[in-house]
C-alpha atoms as a PDB file:
ATOM      1  CA  MET A   1     -49.192  32.966  25.303  1.00  0.00           C
ATOM      2  CA  LYS A   2     -48.383  34.080  28.854  1.00  0.00           C
ATOM      3  CA  ARG A   3     -50.019  30.988  30.290  1.00  0.00           C
ATOM      4  CA  THR A   4     -47.976  28.667  28.057  1.00  0.00           C
ATOM      5  CA  LEU A   5     -44.764  30.493  28.951  1.00  0.00           C
ATOM      6  CA  ALA A   6     -45.596  30.267  32.652  1.00  0.00           C
ATOM      7  CA  ILE A   7     -46.220  26.515  32.378  1.00  0.00           C
ATOM      8  CA  VAL A   8     -42.954  25.949  30.513  1.00  0.00           C
ATOM      9  CA  LEU A   9     -40.962  28.008  33.018  1.00  0.00           C
ATOM     10  CA  LEU A  10     -42.586  26.246  35.968  1.00  0.00           C
ATOM     11  CA  SER A  11     -41.804  22.851  34.423  1.00  0.00           C
ATOM     12  CA  LEU A  12     -38.159  23.774  33.848  1.00  0.00           C
ATOM     13  CA  PHE A  13     -37.850  25.140  37.380  1.00  0.00           C
ATOM     14  CA  SER A  14     -39.345  21.939  38.821  1.00  0.00           C
ATOM     15  CA  LEU A  15     -36.950  19.764  36.846  1.00  0.00           C
ATOM     16  CA  SER A  16     -33.965  21.816  37.960  1.00  0.00           C
ATOM     17  CA  LEU A  17     -35.011  21.428  41.604  1.00  0.00           C
ATOM     18  CA  LEU A  18     -35.291  17.659  41.229  1.00  0.00           C
ATOM     19  CA  SER A  19     -31.909  17.334  39.580  1.00  0.00           C
ATOM     20  CA  GLY A  20     -30.394  19.583  42.242  1.00  0.00           C
ATOM     21  CA  CYS A  21     -31.690  17.310  44.985  1.00  0.00           C
ATOM     22  CA  ASN A  22     -30.129  14.299  43.301  1.00  0.00           C
ATOM     23  CA  THR A  23     -26.811  16.105  42.968  1.00  0.00           C
ATOM     24  CA  ILE A  24     -26.804  17.152  46.623  1.00  0.00           C
ATOM     25  CA  ARG A  25     -27.769  13.646  47.739  1.00  0.00           C
ATOM     26  CA  GLY A  26     -24.954  12.153  45.653  1.00  0.00           C
ATOM     27  CA  ALA A  27     -22.446  14.589  47.108  1.00  0.00           C
ATOM     28  CA  GLY A  28     -23.645  13.739  50.607  1.00  0.00           C
ATOM     29  CA  GLU A  29     -23.214  10.041  49.952  1.00  0.00           C
ATOM     30  CA  ASP A  30     -19.690  10.627  48.623  1.00  0.00           C
ATOM     31  CA  ILE A  31     -18.744  12.650  51.700  1.00  0.00           C
ATOM     32  CA  GLU A  32     -20.222   9.997  53.987  1.00  0.00           C
ATOM     33  CA  ALA A  33     -18.297   7.235  52.217  1.00  0.00           C
ATOM     34  CA  GLY A  34     -15.088   9.266  52.568  1.00  0.00           C
ATOM     35  CA  GLY A  35     -15.710   9.743  56.287  1.00  0.00           C
ATOM     36  CA  GLU A  36     -16.339   6.034  56.760  1.00  0.00           C
ATOM     37  CA  ALA A  37     -13.112   5.204  54.935  1.00  0.00           C
ATOM     38  CA  ILE A  38     -11.189   7.573  57.241  1.00  0.00           C
ATOM     39  CA  GLN A  39     -12.774   5.959  60.300  1.00  0.00           C
ATOM     40  CA  ARG A  40     -11.836   2.459  59.098  1.00  0.00           C
ATOM     41  CA  SER A  41      -8.244   3.499  58.419  1.00  0.00           C
ATOM     42  CA  THR A  42      -7.799   4.900  61.940  1.00  0.00           C
ATOM     43  CA  GLN A  43      -9.024   1.751  63.685  1.00  0.00           C
END
């Protein structure tokens, strides 16, 4: 029982890390696009 619970918790933790990376990458891309738009508007 403990082994099964540990495997389930580890799987959920791994999935949350992967989705967190995607969220952070998406936010970074949005910020970068905003910065590029500001640079283009000042030129």
